[in-house]
Amino acid sequence: MVHVILTHEVKDFFAWKKVYEEREPLRTKSGIKMTGVYTSVDNPNQVTLTGECASAELVYRFMSQPELKAAMQAAGVVSAPDMKVLTKV
């Protein structure tokens, strides 16, 4: 099991969240279980997501899907994601 922390900036959090929620089936189909959605105290449009997955390979495969890239564009993501894939020790 790996854990994922991903941060990116969006144009408008509420518009982004609507698209994010609509894409739950894409995450589920890919084996990604999201465990949290956070915004920065200083910038409500800086979003951090936490999740878990069976393997790093599945995470990287998910992140390279054209459907995900289209969804991120539709959601108003304005910065490249900063992603960390971690194992608990």
Protein backbone atom coordinates (compact mmCIF):
# COMPACT_ATOMS: atom_id res chain seq x y z
CA MET A 1 0.00 0.00 0.00
CA VAL A 2 1.29 3.47 -0.91
CA HIS A 3 0.05 6.85 0.22
CA VAL A 4 -0.23 9.84 -2.07
CA ILE A 5 -0.09 13.55 -1.27
CA LEU A 6 -0.83 15.83 -4.20
CA THR A 7 -0.96 19.63 -4.18
CA HIS A 8 -1.95 22.01 -6.96
CA GLU A 9 -3.54 25.41 -7.40
CA VAL A 10 -6.97 25.89 -8.97
CA LYS A 11 -8.80 28.94 -10.34
CA ASP A 12 -11.82 28.47 -8.07
CA PHE A 13 -12.05 25.84 -5.34
CA PHE A 14 -15.83 25.33 -5.57
CA ALA A 15 -15.78 24.90 -9.36
CA TRP A 16 -12.83 22.50 -8.99
CA LYS A 17 -14.59 20.49 -6.25
CA LYS A 18 -17.65 19.92 -8.42
CA VAL A 19 -15.54 18.37 -11.19
CA TYR A 20 -13.46 16.45 -8.62
CA GLU A 21 -16.58 14.86 -7.12
CA GLU A 22 -17.96 13.97 -10.56
CA ARG A 23 -14.76 12.05 -11.34
CA GLU A 24 -14.97 9.69 -8.36
CA PRO A 25 -15.75 6.71 -10.66
CA LEU A 26 -12.49 7.33 -12.55
CA ARG A 27 -10.50 7.18 -9.30
CA THR A 28 -12.36 4.10 -8.05
CA LYS A 29 -11.87 2.29 -11.37
CA SER A 30 -8.15 3.04 -11.16
CA GLY A 31 -7.84 1.70 -7.60
CA ILE A 32 -7.28 5.11 -5.97
CA LYS A 33 -8.98 5.71 -2.63
CA MET A 34 -8.99 9.37 -1.62
CA THR A 35 -8.73 9.98 2.12
CA GLY A 36 -8.79 13.77 2.35
CA VAL A 37 -9.24 17.10 0.59
CA TYR A 38 -7.62 20.17 2.12
CA THR A 39 -7.12 23.82 1.25
CA SER A 40 -4.34 26.09 2.39
CA VAL A 41 -5.12 28.49 5.23
CA ASP A 42 -3.40 31.23 3.23
CA ASN A 43 -4.84 30.37 -0.20
CA PRO A 44 -8.20 28.59 -0.46
CA ASN A 45 -7.44 27.78 -4.09
CA GLN A 46 -4.36 25.73 -3.18
CA VAL A 47 -5.71 22.21 -2.85
CA THR A 48 -3.98 19.23 -1.25
CA LEU A 49 -5.35 15.72 -1.69
CA THR A 50 -4.41 12.61 0.21
CA GLY A 51 -5.10 9.08 -0.88
CA GLU A 52 -3.93 5.50 -0.94
CA CYS A 53 -3.43 2.87 -3.58
CA ALA A 54 -2.12 -0.68 -3.87
CA SER A 55 1.08 0.35 -5.67
CA ALA A 56 3.07 3.31 -6.96
CA GLU A 57 2.71 1.91 -10.49
CA LEU A 58 -1.08 2.28 -10.27
CA VAL A 59 -0.73 5.87 -9.07
CA TYR A 60 1.59 6.82 -11.94
CA ARG A 61 -0.66 5.06 -14.46
CA PHE A 62 -3.67 6.95 -13.08
CA MET A 63 -1.87 10.29 -13.25
CA SER A 64 -0.96 9.72 -16.91
CA GLN A 65 -4.52 9.00 -18.08
CA PRO A 66 -5.80 11.40 -20.75
CA GLU A 67 -9.19 11.44 -18.98
CA LEU A 68 -7.55 12.74 -15.81
CA LYS A 69 -5.65 15.44 -17.68
CA ALA A 70 -8.89 16.56 -19.36
CA ALA A 71 -10.71 16.57 -16.01
CA MET A 72 -7.97 18.66 -14.40
CA GLN A 73 -8.18 21.18 -17.22
CA ALA A 74 -11.99 21.28 -16.98
CA ALA A 75 -11.71 21.77 -13.20
CA GLY A 76 -9.48 24.81 -13.57
CA VAL A 77 -6.20 23.41 -12.30
CA VAL A 78 -3.63 26.15 -12.94
CA SER A 79 -0.40 24.61 -11.66
CA ALA A 80 1.38 21.35 -12.25
CA PRO A 81 0.67 18.93 -9.41
CA ASP A 82 3.34 18.42 -6.77
CA MET A 83 2.92 14.74 -5.99
CA LYS A 84 4.57 12.58 -3.37
CA VAL A 85 4.09 8.81 -3.33
CA LEU A 86 5.06 7.41 0.06
CA THR A 87 5.28 4.11 1.92
CA LYS A 88 4.64 3.98 5.64
CA VAL A 89 7.57 2.74 7.73
